[in-house]
Protein backbone atom coordinates (compact mmCIF):
# COMPACT_ATOMS: atom_id res chain seq x y z
CA MET A 1 -11.53 12.40 2.26
CA LYS A 2 -10.16 9.84 4.72
CA VAL A 3 -7.42 7.27 4.20
CA ILE A 4 -7.86 4.32 6.55
CA GLY A 5 -5.09 1.78 7.09
CA ASN A 6 -2.35 4.14 5.92
CA THR A 7 -0.43 3.90 9.15
CA LEU A 8 3.22 3.23 9.84
CA GLU A 9 2.22 0.17 11.84
CA ASN A 10 0.30 -1.40 8.94
CA ILE A 11 3.01 -0.61 6.39
CA HIS A 12 5.75 -1.93 8.68
CA LYS A 13 3.75 -5.10 9.41
CA PHE A 14 3.17 -5.80 5.70
CA ARG A 15 6.84 -5.24 4.86
CA HIS A 16 8.11 -7.51 7.61
CA GLU A 17 5.61 -10.28 6.92
CA ASN A 18 6.29 -10.34 3.18
CA ILE A 19 9.79 -8.98 2.64
CA ARG A 20 12.89 -10.23 4.38
CA ASP A 21 14.61 -7.08 5.60
CA LYS A 22 17.99 -7.82 7.11
CA ARG A 23 19.20 -5.49 9.83
CA SER A 24 22.69 -5.53 8.35
CA GLY A 25 22.02 -2.37 6.38
CA ILE A 26 21.79 -4.28 3.11
CA LEU A 27 18.63 -3.37 1.26
CA PRO A 28 16.37 -6.28 0.35
CA THR A 29 16.62 -7.75 -3.12
CA LYS A 30 14.07 -9.36 -5.40
CA SER A 31 15.09 -12.78 -4.09
CA SER A 32 14.21 -11.69 -0.55
CA VAL A 33 10.45 -11.93 -1.08
CA VAL A 34 9.21 -14.64 1.26
CA LYS A 35 5.99 -16.54 1.95
CA ASN A 36 3.81 -15.01 -0.74
CA PRO A 37 5.46 -13.48 -3.81
CA TYR A 38 2.05 -12.18 -4.90
CA ALA A 39 1.39 -10.22 -1.70
CA GLN A 40 0.20 -6.71 -2.37
CA LEU A 41 -1.09 -3.65 -0.61
CA SER A 42 -4.12 -2.19 -2.37
CA LEU A 43 -5.48 1.30 -2.07
CA LEU A 44 -9.25 0.93 -2.41
CA TYR A 45 -11.78 3.72 -2.80
CA LEU A 46 -15.35 3.47 -1.54
CA ASP A 47 -17.47 6.28 -2.95
CA THR A 48 -20.41 5.79 -0.57
CA ASN A 49 -18.36 7.29 2.27
CA ASP A 50 -15.58 9.01 0.26
CA THR A 51 -12.99 6.88 2.04
CA TYR A 52 -9.77 5.23 0.90
CA TYR A 53 -8.54 2.00 2.48
CA LEU A 54 -4.96 0.71 2.38
CA VAL A 55 -5.35 -3.04 2.84
CA ASP A 56 -3.56 -6.30 2.19
CA ALA A 57 -5.24 -7.49 -1.00
CA SER A 58 -5.66 -11.03 0.35
CA SER A 59 -7.35 -9.92 3.57
CA ALA A 60 -11.00 -10.42 4.45
CA ILE A 61 -11.53 -6.66 4.69
CA ALA A 62 -10.23 -6.18 1.14
CA HIS A 63 -12.60 -8.84 -0.20
CA SER A 64 -15.52 -7.41 1.74
CA LEU A 65 -14.86 -3.86 0.57
CA GLN A 66 -14.54 -4.91 -3.06
CA TYR A 67 -17.21 -7.57 -3.43
CA ASN A 68 -19.81 -6.47 -0.87
CA ASP A 69 -19.42 -2.70 -0.84
CA GLY A 70 -18.19 -2.06 -4.38
CA ALA A 71 -14.85 -0.42 -3.58
CA ILE A 72 -12.50 -0.03 -6.53
CA VAL A 73 -8.73 -0.46 -6.63
CA ILE A 74 -7.00 2.89 -7.12
CA SER A 75 -3.46 1.57 -6.88
CA ALA A 76 -1.69 -1.57 -5.76
CA TRP A 77 1.87 -2.27 -4.71
CA HIS A 78 3.24 -5.83 -4.82
CA ALA A 79 6.06 -6.82 -2.50
CA ILE A 80 8.44 -6.53 -5.48
CA ASP A 81 7.24 -2.95 -6.10
CA ILE A 82 7.91 -2.08 -2.48
CA ILE A 83 11.42 -3.55 -2.74
CA GLY A 84 12.05 -1.44 -5.84
CA LEU A 85 10.78 1.68 -4.08
CA LYS A 86 12.92 0.89 -1.05
CA GLN A 87 16.01 0.49 -3.22
CA SER A 88 15.35 3.80 -4.98
CA TYR A 89 14.74 5.53 -1.61
CA ASN A 90 18.12 4.65 -0.15
CA GLN A 91 17.79 6.42 3.20
CA PRO A 92 16.11 5.96 6.58
CA GLY A 93 12.38 6.45 7.02
CA PHE A 94 11.05 4.32 4.17
CA ASP A 95 7.74 3.60 5.92
CA ASN A 96 7.14 7.36 6.29
CA TYR A 97 7.99 7.81 2.61
CA PHE A 98 5.58 5.06 1.59
CA GLN A 99 2.86 6.50 3.82
CA MET A 100 3.24 9.86 2.02
CA LEU A 101 3.15 8.08 -1.35
CA VAL A 102 -0.18 6.45 -0.43
CA GLN A 103 -1.60 9.76 0.80
CA ASN A 104 -0.48 11.56 -2.37
CA THR A 105 -1.98 8.82 -4.55
CA ALA A 106 -5.34 9.20 -2.79
CA GLU A 107 -5.23 12.99 -3.04
CA ALA A 108 -4.32 12.87 -6.74
CA TYR A 109 -7.21 10.50 -7.45
CA ALA A 110 -9.61 12.71 -5.47
CA ALA A 111 -8.47 15.86 -7.29
CA GLU A 112 -8.73 14.17 -10.69
CA HIS A 113 -12.26 12.98 -10.03
CA GLN A 114 -13.44 16.28 -8.56
CA THR A 115 -12.55 18.09 -11.76
CA GLU A 116 -14.51 15.55 -13.81
CA ASN A 117 -17.75 16.20 -11.88
């Protein structure tokens, strides 16, 4: 099992492109979503290579994986979901926390589907 795209750089980039995160120490609020309120990170699974992909749902790679390769959406987090998670995880290192959440989601899905087979 591989998880591609689940890197701190990708998570940080998505957050800062879609969520206004002030350096003042104030956590972002629901009104701080900018540009695209429907932005979301999707965790896709492609069974042909047993690989998970964390991608921006509006990206070309997401469309290609879903519509050309047949990847399915395991989980998706909208910008609002990420703000809620950030507010509930009121400490430094949110991107690391979110990276672990993505990894755990992939592992849980893999474990669930191994027991079915």
